[in-house]
């Protein structure tokens, strides 16, 4: 296949970063090894994804800003057009999320978790090279530098369960290993990118998960997405291939923001989707003034129920947001006589 000139440079850069990452992966120096592997592999993924878009005659520059699009947007375009499968994009997103945590703060990635995610990424990059470029990793890399595991790889659910128990041990009283525990939580959160498109490792999410683990919450309640994920490992040695997919027969568990047992499973990005109505938007949907809407809320006690309201903190500012459940209750009671009674019963300001 004839390679487009504009696609040649990012493709070559992708191969170069991959080679550097593999050298570090197989190196003997452990200092900064994980971070270096994640940085090189993420850059390789982004360059090859953009080379794929260029090869398919798709724009990789934002017309308004005049700068190259980010990896997340490139993946969205590639999956929407069918150039990448959801599983392939997930392997790239998972490693990108780990890289983001490593670059901007701290992450702790167990060796087998690093290997299985790196090998899943190599499987994806090899598959991307084959179809549009008629190339392969074997044509660009000596087989001796392909990452090989020196220990037997556990199944993915065993890996998650083992990490979860280890985090619980690190968070035990007088253990003094909280930083490592939170770094391992970041890794588990990042791996959720294998099954969902948007993953943001928020400190609020880590705080919530830490509290849930400390009170003995089970792994399936804290990480329901990971429990439904499975790894399919085929071949061995240089021909080893790793694919992630949703596990067949895994139970589907819907969690609610007012479920105290599911507190660890609710992510910050999920909360913002659940509680999406501002007080002004709520009053506009009801056709009431903001003050009368507030009086009706106070009469019904909506602001005291976590199923209806969530306070988001952004720096020193606090913003109340309401759920569709709050809107439904207000609509049921949105009658002139009830609204008037709520207005008359509101606390009167002192003179």
C-alpha atoms as a PDB file:
ATOM      1  CA  UNK A   1       0.000   0.000   0.000  1.00  0.00           C
ATOM      2  CA  UNK A   2       1.256   3.443  -0.906  1.00  0.00           C
ATOM      3  CA  UNK A   3       1.927   5.408   2.262  1.00  0.00           C
ATOM      4  CA  UNK A   4       0.858   9.049   2.169  1.00  0.00           C
ATOM      5  CA  UNK A   5       3.706  11.485   2.696  1.00  0.00           C
ATOM      6  CA  UNK A   6       1.937  13.222   5.605  1.00  0.00           C
ATOM      7  CA  UNK A   7       1.360   9.869   7.304  1.00  0.00           C
ATOM      8  CA  UNK A   8       4.946   8.661   6.981  1.00  0.00           C
ATOM      9  CA  UNK A   9       6.456  10.980   9.607  1.00  0.00           C
ATOM     10  CA  UNK A  10       3.977  10.261  12.459  1.00  0.00           C
ATOM     11  CA  UNK A  11       4.144   6.535  11.664  1.00  0.00           C
ATOM     12  CA  UNK A  12       7.945   6.595  11.917  1.00  0.00           C
ATOM     13  CA  UNK A  13       7.747   8.564  15.162  1.00  0.00           C
ATOM     14  CA  UNK A  14       5.293   6.000  16.526  1.00  0.00           C
ATOM     15  CA  UNK A  15       7.709   3.158  15.772  1.00  0.00           C
ATOM     16  CA  UNK A  16      10.633   5.128  17.256  1.00  0.00           C
ATOM     17  CA  UNK A  17       8.779   5.833  20.526  1.00  0.00           C
ATOM     18  CA  UNK A  18       7.681   2.227  20.706  1.00  0.00           C
ATOM     19  CA  UNK A  19      11.279   1.022  20.342  1.00  0.00           C
ATOM     20  CA  UNK A  20      12.420   3.393  23.112  1.00  0.00           C
ATOM     21  CA  UNK A  21       9.606   2.209  25.332  1.00  0.00           C
ATOM     22  CA  UNK A  22      10.475  -1.439  24.753  1.00  0.00           C
ATOM     23  CA  UNK A  23      14.129  -0.777  25.589  1.00  0.00           C
ATOM     24  CA  UNK A  24      13.088   0.723  28.913  1.00  0.00           C
ATOM     25  CA  UNK A  25      10.558  -2.044  29.541  1.00  0.00           C
ATOM     26  CA  UNK A  26      13.239  -4.716  29.134  1.00  0.00           C
ATOM     27  CA  UNK A  27      15.954  -2.684  30.861  1.00  0.00           C
ATOM     28  CA  UNK A  28      17.519  -3.538  34.199  1.00  0.00           C
ATOM     29  CA  UNK A  29      17.098  -0.092  35.779  1.00  0.00           C
ATOM     30  CA  UNK A  30      13.864   0.097  37.787  1.00  0.00           C
ATOM     31  CA  UNK A  31      14.166   3.790  38.686  1.00  0.00           C
ATOM     32  CA  UNK A  32      11.525   5.660  36.696  1.00  0.00           C
ATOM     33  CA  UNK A  33      10.957   2.600  34.507  1.00  0.00           C
ATOM     34  CA  UNK A  34       7.156   2.548  34.733  1.00  0.00           C
ATOM     35  CA  UNK A  35       6.806   6.258  33.996  1.00  0.00           C
ATOM     36  CA  UNK A  36       9.187   6.047  31.016  1.00  0.00           C
ATOM     37  CA  UNK A  37       7.353   3.064  29.532  1.00  0.00           C
ATOM     38  CA  UNK A  38       3.992   4.835  29.862  1.00  0.00           C
ATOM     39  CA  UNK A  39       5.300   8.071  28.322  1.00  0.00           C
ATOM     40  CA  UNK A  40       6.899   6.375  25.305  1.00  0.00           C
ATOM     41  CA  UNK A  41       3.981   4.018  24.681  1.00  0.00           C
ATOM     42  CA  UNK A  42       1.422   6.819  24.938  1.00  0.00           C
ATOM     43  CA  UNK A  43       3.324   8.926  22.401  1.00  0.00           C
ATOM     44  CA  UNK A  44       3.594   5.919  20.092  1.00  0.00           C
ATOM     45  CA  UNK A  45      -0.164   5.340  20.341  1.00  0.00           C
ATOM     46  CA  UNK A  46      -1.013   8.959  19.587  1.00  0.00           C
ATOM     47  CA  UNK A  47       1.323   9.202  16.605  1.00  0.00           C
ATOM     48  CA  UNK A  48       0.093   5.952  15.053  1.00  0.00           C
ATOM     49  CA  UNK A  49      -3.570   6.906  15.592  1.00  0.00           C
ATOM     50  CA  UNK A  50      -3.005  10.232  13.846  1.00  0.00           C
ATOM     51  CA  UNK A  51      -1.010   8.537  11.066  1.00  0.00           C
ATOM     52  CA  UNK A  52      -4.012   6.252  10.609  1.00  0.00           C
ATOM     53  CA  UNK A  53      -6.356   9.244  10.267  1.00  0.00           C
ATOM     54  CA  UNK A  54      -4.045  10.953   7.771  1.00  0.00           C
ATOM     55  CA  UNK A  55      -3.772   7.742   5.771  1.00  0.00           C
ATOM     56  CA  UNK A  56      -7.587   7.640   5.682  1.00  0.00           C
ATOM     57  CA  UNK A  57      -7.692  11.324   4.548  1.00  0.00           C
ATOM     58  CA  UNK A  58      -9.131  12.605   7.831  1.00  0.00           C
ATOM     59  CA  UNK A  59      -8.105  15.940   9.354  1.00  0.00           C
ATOM     60  CA  UNK A  60      -5.878  15.891  12.422  1.00  0.00           C
ATOM     61  CA  UNK A  61      -5.812  19.668  12.928  1.00  0.00           C
ATOM     62  CA  UNK A  62      -8.514  21.734  14.582  1.00  0.00           C
ATOM     63  CA  UNK A  63      -9.716  24.262  11.997  1.00  0.00           C
ATOM     64  CA  UNK A  64     -10.618  26.894  14.584  1.00  0.00           C
ATOM     65  CA  UNK A  65      -7.540  26.629  16.799  1.00  0.00           C
ATOM     66  CA  UNK A  66      -5.079  25.650  14.078  1.00  0.00           C
ATOM     67  CA  UNK A  67      -3.387  23.048  16.288  1.00  0.00           C
ATOM     68  CA  UNK A  68      -3.301  19.251  16.224  1.00  0.00           C
ATOM     69  CA  UNK A  69      -6.187  17.464  17.902  1.00  0.00           C
ATOM     70  CA  UNK A  70      -5.577  15.464  21.073  1.00  0.00           C
ATOM     71  CA  UNK A  71      -5.458  11.712  21.386  1.00  0.00           C
ATOM     72  CA  UNK A  72      -8.948  11.435  22.843  1.00  0.00           C
ATOM     73  CA  UNK A  73     -10.529  13.254  19.902  1.00  0.00           C
ATOM     74  CA  UNK A  74      -8.441  11.257  17.428  1.00  0.00           C
ATOM     75  CA  UNK A  75      -9.687   8.020  18.994  1.00  0.00           C
ATOM     76  CA  UNK A  76     -13.283   9.231  18.812  1.00  0.00           C
ATOM     77  CA  UNK A  77     -12.916   9.936  15.086  1.00  0.00           C
ATOM     78  CA  UNK A  78     -11.171   6.614  14.445  1.00  0.00           C
ATOM     79  CA  UNK A  79     -13.811   4.562  16.277  1.00  0.00           C
ATOM     80  CA  UNK A  80     -16.725   6.506  14.762  1.00  0.00           C
ATOM     81  CA  UNK A  81     -15.361   5.802  11.273  1.00  0.00           C
ATOM     82  CA  UNK A  82     -14.714   2.143  12.064  1.00  0.00           C
ATOM     83  CA  UNK A  83     -10.920   2.400  11.745  1.00  0.00           C
ATOM     84  CA  UNK A  84     -10.517   1.144  15.334  1.00  0.00           C
ATOM     85  CA  UNK A  85     -12.674  -1.192  17.378  1.00  0.00           C
ATOM     86  CA  UNK A  86     -13.882  -0.230  20.841  1.00  0.00           C
ATOM     87  CA  UNK A  87     -11.488  -2.780  22.364  1.00  0.00           C
ATOM     88  CA  UNK A  88      -8.512  -1.359  20.441  1.00  0.00           C
ATOM     89  CA  UNK A  89      -9.375   2.185  21.476  1.00  0.00           C
ATOM     90  CA  UNK A  90      -9.830   0.966  25.061  1.00  0.00           C
ATOM     91  CA  UNK A  91      -6.312  -0.451  25.230  1.00  0.00           C
ATOM     92  CA  UNK A  92      -4.942   2.926  24.104  1.00  0.00           C
ATOM     93  CA  UNK A  93      -7.150   4.924  26.486  1.00  0.00           C
ATOM     94  CA  UNK A  94      -6.205   2.769  29.481  1.00  0.00           C
ATOM     95  CA  UNK A  95      -2.500   3.314  28.941  1.00  0.00           C
ATOM     96  CA  UNK A  96      -3.052   7.021  28.197  1.00  0.00           C
ATOM     97  CA  UNK A  97      -4.924   7.418  31.493  1.00  0.00           C
ATOM     98  CA  UNK A  98      -2.071   5.743  33.356  1.00  0.00           C
ATOM     99  CA  UNK A  99       0.424   8.009  31.596  1.00  0.00           C
ATOM    100  CA  UNK A 100      -1.619  11.060  32.570  1.00  0.00           C
ATOM    101  CA  UNK A 101      -1.581  10.040  36.236  1.00  0.00           C
ATOM    102  CA  UNK A 102       2.154   9.296  36.104  1.00  0.00           C
ATOM    103  CA  UNK A 103       3.030  12.568  34.388  1.00  0.00           C
ATOM    104  CA  UNK A 104       0.925  14.908  36.500  1.00  0.00           C
ATOM    105  CA  UNK A 105       1.220  13.271  39.901  1.00  0.00           C
ATOM    106  CA  UNK A 106       1.913   9.638  40.851  1.00  0.00           C
ATOM    107  CA  UNK A 107       0.867   6.100  40.012  1.00  0.00           C
ATOM    108  CA  UNK A 108       1.851   2.626  41.216  1.00  0.00           C
ATOM    109  CA  UNK A 109       1.505  -0.077  38.551  1.00  0.00           C
ATOM    110  CA  UNK A 110       2.191  -3.712  39.551  1.00  0.00           C
ATOM    111  CA  UNK A 111       4.508  -5.527  37.164  1.00  0.00           C
ATOM    112  CA  UNK A 112       1.924  -7.951  35.806  1.00  0.00           C
ATOM    113  CA  UNK A 113      -0.598  -5.135  35.341  1.00  0.00           C
ATOM    114  CA  UNK A 114       2.025  -3.128  33.438  1.00  0.00           C
ATOM    115  CA  UNK A 115       2.844  -6.155  31.299  1.00  0.00           C
ATOM    116  CA  UNK A 116      -0.729  -7.107  30.418  1.00  0.00           C
ATOM    117  CA  UNK A 117      -1.674  -3.523  29.522  1.00  0.00           C
ATOM    118  CA  UNK A 118       1.553  -3.010  27.541  1.00  0.00           C
ATOM    119  CA  UNK A 119       1.036  -6.277  25.691  1.00  0.00           C
ATOM    120  CA  UNK A 120      -2.592  -5.373  24.931  1.00  0.00           C
ATOM    121  CA  UNK A 121      -1.343  -2.087  23.490  1.00  0.00           C
ATOM    122  CA  UNK A 122       1.282  -3.878  21.366  1.00  0.00           C
ATOM    123  CA  UNK A 123      -1.452  -6.178  20.062  1.00  0.00           C
ATOM    124  CA  UNK A 124      -3.514  -3.138  19.075  1.00  0.00           C
ATOM    125  CA  UNK A 125      -0.611  -1.316  17.414  1.00  0.00           C
ATOM    126  CA  UNK A 126       0.294  -4.444  15.464  1.00  0.00           C
ATOM    127  CA  UNK A 127      -3.302  -4.781  14.263  1.00  0.00           C
ATOM    128  CA  UNK A 128      -3.395  -1.101  13.257  1.00  0.00           C
ATOM    129  CA  UNK A 129      -0.197  -1.491  11.249  1.00  0.00           C
ATOM    130  CA  UNK A 130      -1.488  -4.535   9.382  1.00  0.00           C
ATOM    131  CA  UNK A 131      -4.734  -3.226   7.894  1.00  0.00           C
ATOM    132  CA  UNK A 132      -4.136   0.329   6.648  1.00  0.00           C
ATOM    133  CA  UNK A 133      -0.345   0.242   6.321  1.00  0.00           C
ATOM    134  CA  UNK A 134       0.273  -3.391   5.299  1.00  0.00           C
ATOM    135  CA  UNK A 135       3.044  -3.476   7.904  1.00  0.00           C
ATOM    136  CA  UNK A 136       3.636  -5.213  11.231  1.00  0.00           C
ATOM    137  CA  UNK A 137       5.692  -4.864  14.394  1.00  0.00           C
ATOM    138  CA  UNK A 138       7.731  -7.907  13.370  1.00  0.00           C
ATOM    139  CA  UNK A 139       8.939  -5.950  10.345  1.00  0.00           C
ATOM    140  CA  UNK A 140      10.120  -3.059  12.523  1.00  0.00           C
ATOM    141  CA  UNK A 141      11.368  -4.688  15.725  1.00  0.00           C
ATOM    142  CA  UNK A 142      13.805  -7.481  16.512  1.00  0.00           C
ATOM    143  CA  UNK A 143      11.853 -10.260  18.190  1.00  0.00           C
ATOM    144  CA  UNK A 144      14.320 -10.313  21.068  1.00  0.00           C
ATOM    145  CA  UNK A 145      12.994  -7.002  22.446  1.00  0.00           C
ATOM    146  CA  UNK A 146       9.336  -7.965  22.537  1.00  0.00           C
ATOM    147  CA  UNK A 147       8.199  -7.838  26.192  1.00  0.00           C
ATOM    148  CA  UNK A 148       8.080 -11.306  27.697  1.00  0.00           C
ATOM    149  CA  UNK A 149       6.762 -12.172  31.123  1.00  0.00           C
ATOM    150  CA  UNK A 150       9.038 -14.189  33.390  1.00  0.00           C
ATOM    151  CA  UNK A 151       6.107 -15.225  35.585  1.00  0.00           C
ATOM    152  CA  UNK A 152       2.766 -16.794  34.801  1.00  0.00           C
ATOM    153  CA  UNK A 153       0.126 -14.136  34.135  1.00  0.00           C
ATOM    154  CA  UNK A 154      -2.945 -14.304  36.356  1.00  0.00           C
ATOM    155  CA  UNK A 155      -6.412 -13.908  34.865  1.00  0.00           C
ATOM    156  CA  UNK A 156      -7.653 -10.341  34.921  1.00  0.00           C
ATOM    157  CA  UNK A 157     -10.232 -10.871  37.663  1.00  0.00           C
ATOM    158  CA  UNK A 158      -7.567 -12.517  39.844  1.00  0.00           C
ATOM    159  CA  UNK A 159      -5.248  -9.552  39.208  1.00  0.00           C
ATOM    160  CA  UNK A 160      -7.953  -7.053  40.221  1.00  0.00           C
ATOM    161  CA  UNK A 161      -8.940  -9.037  43.303  1.00  0.00           C
ATOM    162  CA  UNK A 162      -5.308  -9.379  44.394  1.00  0.00           C
ATOM    163  CA  UNK A 163      -4.667  -5.648  43.954  1.00  0.00           C
ATOM    164  CA  UNK A 164      -7.844  -4.772  45.829  1.00  0.00           C
ATOM    165  CA  UNK A 165      -6.824  -6.900  48.813  1.00  0.00           C
ATOM    166  CA  UNK A 166      -3.313  -5.452  48.732  1.00  0.00           C
ATOM    167  CA  UNK A 167      -4.699  -1.893  48.758  1.00  0.00           C
ATOM    168  CA  UNK A 168      -6.855  -2.794  51.762  1.00  0.00           C
ATOM    169  CA  UNK A 169      -3.751  -4.065  53.565  1.00  0.00           C
ATOM    170  CA  UNK A 170      -1.843  -0.865  52.746  1.00  0.00           C
ATOM    171  CA  UNK A 171      -4.705   1.231  54.167  1.00  0.00           C
ATOM    172  CA  UNK A 172      -4.771  -0.693  57.447  1.00  0.00           C
ATOM    173  CA  UNK A 173      -4.144   1.332  60.639  1.00  0.00           C
ATOM    174  CA  UNK A 174      -0.490   2.108  61.425  1.00  0.00           C
ATOM    175  CA  UNK A 175       0.612   0.813  58.018  1.00  0.00           C
ATOM    176  CA  UNK A 176       1.883   4.236  56.818  1.00  0.00           C
ATOM    177  CA  UNK A 177       1.509   3.249  53.144  1.00  0.00           C
ATOM    178  CA  UNK A 178      -1.384   5.487  52.075  1.00  0.00           C
ATOM    179  CA  UNK A 179       0.496   7.062  49.135  1.00  0.00           C
ATOM    180  CA  UNK A 180       1.233   3.668  47.599  1.00  0.00           C
ATOM    181  CA  UNK A 181      -2.362   2.559  48.139  1.00  0.00           C
ATOM    182  CA  UNK A 182      -3.717   5.641  46.363  1.00  0.00           C
ATOM    183  CA  UNK A 183      -1.225   5.118  43.527  1.00  0.00           C
ATOM    184  CA  UNK A 184      -2.550   1.584  43.054  1.00  0.00           C
ATOM    185  CA  UNK A 185      -6.143   2.859  43.125  1.00  0.00           C
ATOM    186  CA  UNK A 186      -5.223   5.192  40.243  1.00  0.00           C
ATOM    187  CA  UNK A 187      -4.047   2.194  38.227  1.00  0.00           C
ATOM    188  CA  UNK A 188      -7.320   0.314  38.734  1.00  0.00           C
ATOM    189  CA  UNK A 189      -9.314   3.422  37.809  1.00  0.00           C
ATOM    190  CA  UNK A 190      -7.226   3.911  34.669  1.00  0.00           C
ATOM    191  CA  UNK A 191      -7.917   0.348  33.533  1.00  0.00           C
ATOM    192  CA  UNK A 192     -11.641   1.171  33.394  1.00  0.00           C
ATOM    193  CA  UNK A 193     -10.805   2.871  30.088  1.00  0.00           C
ATOM    194  CA  UNK A 194     -10.903  -0.596  28.523  1.00  0.00           C
ATOM    195  CA  UNK A 195     -14.707  -0.544  28.809  1.00  0.00           C
ATOM    196  CA  UNK A 196     -15.742   3.138  28.842  1.00  0.00           C
ATOM    197  CA  UNK A 197     -14.748   6.058  26.632  1.00  0.00           C
ATOM    198  CA  UNK A 198     -14.391   8.744  29.301  1.00  0.00           C
ATOM    199  CA  UNK A 199     -12.152   8.086  32.291  1.00  0.00           C
ATOM    200  CA  UNK A 200     -10.984  10.865  34.581  1.00  0.00           C
ATOM    201  CA  UNK A 201      -8.945   9.852  37.604  1.00  0.00           C
ATOM    202  CA  UNK A 202     -10.196  12.444  40.072  1.00  0.00           C
ATOM    203  CA  UNK A 203      -8.822  12.893  43.577  1.00  0.00           C
ATOM    204  CA  UNK A 204     -12.438  12.969  44.771  1.00  0.00           C
ATOM    205  CA  UNK A 205     -12.955   9.528  43.251  1.00  0.00           C
ATOM    206  CA  UNK A 206      -9.817   8.231  44.940  1.00  0.00           C
ATOM    207  CA  UNK A 207     -10.959   9.702  48.279  1.00  0.00           C
ATOM    208  CA  UNK A 208     -14.343   8.025  47.870  1.00  0.00           C
ATOM    209  CA  UNK A 209     -12.817   4.655  46.979  1.00  0.00           C
ATOM    210  CA  UNK A 210     -10.336   4.880  49.840  1.00  0.00           C
ATOM    211  CA  UNK A 211     -13.180   5.424  52.317  1.00  0.00           C
ATOM    212  CA  UNK A 212     -15.165   2.548  50.824  1.00  0.00           C
ATOM    213  CA  UNK A 213     -12.237   0.128  51.083  1.00  0.00           C
ATOM    214  CA  UNK A 214     -11.520   1.151  54.681  1.00  0.00           C
ATOM    215  CA  UNK A 215     -15.070   0.251  55.781  1.00  0.00           C
ATOM    216  CA  UNK A 216     -14.862  -3.165  54.093  1.00  0.00           C
ATOM    217  CA  UNK A 217     -16.801  -2.588  50.874  1.00  0.00           C
ATOM    218  CA  UNK A 218     -16.429  -5.495  48.427  1.00  0.00           C
ATOM    219  CA  UNK A 219     -14.494  -5.219  45.175  1.00  0.00           C
ATOM    220  CA  UNK A 220     -17.571  -5.754  42.981  1.00  0.00           C
ATOM    221  CA  UNK A 221     -19.228  -2.743  44.619  1.00  0.00           C
ATOM    222  CA  UNK A 222     -16.191  -0.491  44.326  1.00  0.00           C
ATOM    223  CA  UNK A 223     -15.063  -1.502  40.812  1.00  0.00           C
ATOM    224  CA  UNK A 224     -18.120  -2.958  39.032  1.00  0.00           C
ATOM    225  CA  UNK A 225     -16.690  -2.070  35.615  1.00  0.00           C
ATOM    226  CA  UNK A 226     -13.470  -4.014  36.186  1.00  0.00           C
ATOM    227  CA  UNK A 227     -15.346  -7.071  37.431  1.00  0.00           C
ATOM    228  CA  UNK A 228     -17.146  -7.201  34.073  1.00  0.00           C
ATOM    229  CA  UNK A 229     -13.837  -7.065  32.156  1.00  0.00           C
ATOM    230  CA  UNK A 230     -11.840 -10.077  30.962  1.00  0.00           C
ATOM    231  CA  UNK A 231      -8.496 -10.530  29.228  1.00  0.00           C
ATOM    232  CA  UNK A 232      -8.070 -13.041  26.422  1.00  0.00           C
ATOM    233  CA  UNK A 233      -4.422 -14.151  26.200  1.00  0.00           C
ATOM    234  CA  UNK A 234      -3.403 -16.310  23.267  1.00  0.00           C
ATOM    235  CA  UNK A 235      -0.054 -17.554  21.982  1.00  0.00           C
ATOM    236  CA  UNK A 236       3.211 -17.404  23.859  1.00  0.00           C
ATOM    237  CA  UNK A 237       6.589 -15.702  23.626  1.00  0.00           C
ATOM    238  CA  UNK A 238       6.840 -13.282  20.688  1.00  0.00           C
ATOM    239  CA  UNK A 239       3.433 -14.377  19.351  1.00  0.00           C
ATOM    240  CA  UNK A 240       1.614 -13.549  22.597  1.00  0.00           C
ATOM    241  CA  UNK A 241      -1.502 -11.443  22.015  1.00  0.00           C
ATOM    242  CA  UNK A 242      -3.744  -9.819  24.614  1.00  0.00           C
ATOM    243  CA  UNK A 243      -7.291  -8.579  24.016  1.00  0.00           C
ATOM    244  CA  UNK A 244      -9.625  -7.058  26.592  1.00  0.00           C
ATOM    245  CA  UNK A 245     -13.376  -7.522  26.347  1.00  0.00           C
ATOM    246  CA  UNK A 246     -16.483  -7.553  28.501  1.00  0.00           C
ATOM    247  CA  UNK A 247     -16.761 -10.860  30.285  1.00  0.00           C
ATOM    248  CA  UNK A 248     -19.636 -13.029  29.079  1.00  0.00           C
ATOM    249  CA  UNK A 249     -22.212 -13.705  31.744  1.00  0.00           C
ATOM    250  CA  UNK A 250     -20.955 -10.911  33.996  1.00  0.00           C
ATOM    251  CA  UNK A 251     -23.842  -9.487  36.026  1.00  0.00           C
ATOM    252  CA  UNK A 252     -24.963  -5.989  35.131  1.00  0.00           C
ATOM    253  CA  UNK A 253     -25.226  -3.871  38.249  1.00  0.00           C
ATOM    254  CA  UNK A 254     -26.804  -0.440  38.164  1.00  0.00           C
ATOM    255  CA  UNK A 255     -25.650   1.876  40.924  1.00  0.00           C
ATOM    256  CA  UNK A 256     -27.465   4.898  42.238  1.00  0.00           C
ATOM    257  CA  UNK A 257     -26.053   8.005  43.816  1.00  0.00           C
ATOM    258  CA  UNK A 258     -28.276   7.494  46.879  1.00  0.00           C
ATOM    259  CA  UNK A 259     -27.049   3.910  47.441  1.00  0.00           C
ATOM    260  CA  UNK A 260     -24.625   4.108  50.401  1.00  0.00           C
ATOM    261  CA  UNK A 261     -23.161   0.690  49.572  1.00  0.00           C
ATOM    262  CA  UNK A 262     -22.261   1.894  46.079  1.00  0.00           C
ATOM    263  CA  UNK A 263     -20.488   5.025  47.250  1.00  0.00           C
ATOM    264  CA  UNK A 264     -17.149   3.774  46.011  1.00  0.00           C
ATOM    265  CA  UNK A 265     -18.488   2.923  42.559  1.00  0.00           C
ATOM    266  CA  UNK A 266     -19.830   6.374  41.682  1.00  0.00           C
ATOM    267  CA  UNK A 267     -17.232   8.322  39.697  1.00  0.00           C
ATOM    268  CA  UNK A 268     -16.984  12.108  39.612  1.00  0.00           C
ATOM    269  CA  UNK A 269     -17.808  12.161  35.897  1.00  0.00           C
ATOM    270  CA  UNK A 270     -20.858   9.953  36.593  1.00  0.00           C
ATOM    271  CA  UNK A 271     -22.023  12.299  39.333  1.00  0.00           C
ATOM    272  CA  UNK A 272     -21.865  15.309  37.033  1.00  0.00           C
ATOM    273  CA  UNK A 273     -24.027  13.473  34.532  1.00  0.00           C
ATOM    274  CA  UNK A 274     -26.522  12.405  37.213  1.00  0.00           C
ATOM    275  CA  UNK A 275     -26.753  15.825  38.883  1.00  0.00           C
ATOM    276  CA  UNK A 276     -26.846  18.093  35.843  1.00  0.00           C
ATOM    277  CA  UNK A 277     -29.529  20.689  36.646  1.00  0.00           C
ATOM    278  CA  UNK A 278     -28.562  24.007  38.219  1.00  0.00           C
ATOM    279  CA  UNK A 279     -31.098  25.826  40.450  1.00  0.00           C
ATOM    280  CA  UNK A 280     -31.799  28.254  37.589  1.00  0.00           C
ATOM    281  CA  UNK A 281     -32.287  25.433  35.066  1.00  0.00           C
ATOM    282  CA  UNK A 282     -34.574  23.648  37.525  1.00  0.00           C
ATOM    283  CA  UNK A 283     -36.802  26.719  37.972  1.00  0.00           C
ATOM    284  CA  UNK A 284     -36.929  27.295  34.197  1.00  0.00           C
ATOM    285  CA  UNK A 285     -38.068  23.703  33.584  1.00  0.00           C
ATOM    286  CA  UNK A 286     -40.871  24.241  36.107  1.00  0.00           C
ATOM    287  CA  UNK A 287     -41.853  27.696  34.871  1.00  0.00           C
ATOM    288  CA  UNK A 288     -41.298  29.192  38.321  1.00  0.00           C
ATOM    289  CA  UNK A 289     -39.178  32.025  39.615  1.00  0.00           C
ATOM    290  CA  UNK A 290     -35.959  30.889  41.323  1.00  0.00           C
ATOM    291  CA  UNK A 291     -37.277  32.025  44.727  1.00  0.00           C
ATOM    292  CA  UNK A 292     -40.582  30.154  44.401  1.00  0.00           C
ATOM    293  CA  UNK A 293     -38.760  27.061  43.148  1.00  0.00           C
ATOM    294  CA  UNK A 294     -36.487  27.231  46.193  1.00  0.00           C
ATOM    295  CA  UNK A 295     -39.506  27.594  48.500  1.00  0.00           C
ATOM    296  CA  UNK A 296     -41.100  24.497  46.941  1.00  0.00           C
ATOM    297  CA  UNK A 297     -37.850  22.554  47.337  1.00  0.00           C
ATOM    298  CA  UNK A 298     -37.625  23.530  50.999  1.00  0.00           C
ATOM    299  CA  UNK A 299     -41.215  22.515  51.687  1.00  0.00           C
ATOM    300  CA  UNK A 300     -40.647  19.101  50.083  1.00  0.00           C
ATOM    301  CA  UNK A 301     -37.255  18.670  51.774  1.00  0.00           C
ATOM    302  CA  UNK A 302     -35.498  17.935  48.481  1.00  0.00           C
ATOM    303  CA  UNK A 303     -32.268  19.644  49.523  1.00  0.00           C
ATOM    304  CA  UNK A 304     -31.850  17.157  52.384  1.00  0.00           C
ATOM    305  CA  UNK A 305     -31.908  14.046  50.168  1.00  0.00           C
ATOM    306  CA  UNK A 306     -28.727  12.967  48.366  1.00  0.00           C
ATOM    307  CA  UNK A 307     -30.834  11.321  45.662  1.00  0.00           C
ATOM    308  CA  UNK A 308     -31.876  14.807  44.566  1.00  0.00           C
ATOM    309  CA  UNK A 309     -28.943  17.155  45.185  1.00  0.00           C
ATOM    310  CA  UNK A 310     -25.156  17.109  45.067  1.00  0.00           C
ATOM    311  CA  UNK A 311     -22.814  19.942  46.064  1.00  0.00           C
ATOM    312  CA  UNK A 312     -19.801  20.210  43.757  1.00  0.00           C
ATOM    313  CA  UNK A 313     -16.769  22.118  44.998  1.00  0.00           C
ATOM    314  CA  UNK A 314     -14.554  23.957  42.527  1.00  0.00           C
ATOM    315  CA  UNK A 315     -11.824  25.655  44.511  1.00  0.00           C
ATOM    316  CA  UNK A 316     -13.469  27.894  47.090  1.00  0.00           C
ATOM    317  CA  UNK A 317     -16.825  27.872  45.287  1.00  0.00           C
ATOM    318  CA  UNK A 318     -19.675  25.469  45.929  1.00  0.00           C
ATOM    319  CA  UNK A 319     -22.368  24.746  43.336  1.00  0.00           C
ATOM    320  CA  UNK A 320     -25.599  22.833  43.947  1.00  0.00           C
ATOM    321  CA  UNK A 321     -26.781  20.567  41.138  1.00  0.00           C
ATOM    322  CA  UNK A 322     -30.011  18.577  40.993  1.00  0.00           C
ATOM    323  CA  UNK A 323     -30.941  15.212  39.489  1.00  0.00           C
ATOM    324  CA  UNK A 324     -33.824  14.203  37.245  1.00  0.00           C
ATOM    325  CA  UNK A 325     -35.386  12.630  40.339  1.00  0.00           C
ATOM    326  CA  UNK A 326     -35.608  16.078  41.947  1.00  0.00           C
ATOM    327  CA  UNK A 327     -37.194  17.464  38.778  1.00  0.00           C
ATOM    328  CA  UNK A 328     -39.757  14.654  38.720  1.00  0.00           C
ATOM    329  CA  UNK A 329     -40.805  15.257  42.344  1.00  0.00           C
ATOM    330  CA  UNK A 330     -41.122  18.999  41.774  1.00  0.00           C
ATOM    331  CA  UNK A 331     -43.192  18.473  38.636  1.00  0.00           C
ATOM    332  CA  UNK A 332     -45.599  16.265  40.574  1.00  0.00           C
ATOM    333  CA  UNK A 333     -46.130  19.054  43.130  1.00  0.00           C
ATOM    334  CA  UNK A 334     -46.012  21.977  40.709  1.00  0.00           C
ATOM    335  CA  UNK A 335     -49.599  23.140  41.246  1.00  0.00           C
ATOM    336  CA  UNK A 336     -50.514  26.792  41.936  1.00  0.00           C
ATOM    337  CA  UNK A 337     -52.054  26.100  45.346  1.00  0.00           C
ATOM    338  CA  UNK A 338     -49.070  23.988  46.488  1.00  0.00           C
ATOM    339  CA  UNK A 339     -46.538  26.529  45.215  1.00  0.00           C
ATOM    340  CA  UNK A 340     -48.428  29.342  46.948  1.00  0.00           C
ATOM    341  CA  UNK A 341     -48.542  27.378  50.206  1.00  0.00           C
ATOM    342  CA  UNK A 342     -44.770  26.777  49.964  1.00  0.00           C
ATOM    343  CA  UNK A 343     -44.211  30.476  49.277  1.00  0.00           C
ATOM    344  CA  UNK A 344     -46.249  31.530  52.302  1.00  0.00           C
ATOM    345  CA  UNK A 345     -44.524  28.960  54.518  1.00  0.00           C
ATOM    346  CA  UNK A 346     -41.018  30.055  53.580  1.00  0.00           C
ATOM    347  CA  UNK A 347     -38.869  31.522  56.366  1.00  0.00           C
ATOM    348  CA  UNK A 348     -39.387  35.270  56.513  1.00  0.00           C
ATOM    349  CA  UNK A 349     -36.257  37.416  56.646  1.00  0.00           C
ATOM    350  CA  UNK A 350     -35.839  39.389  59.865  1.00  0.00           C
ATOM    351  CA  UNK A 351     -36.095  43.154  59.622  1.00  0.00           C
END
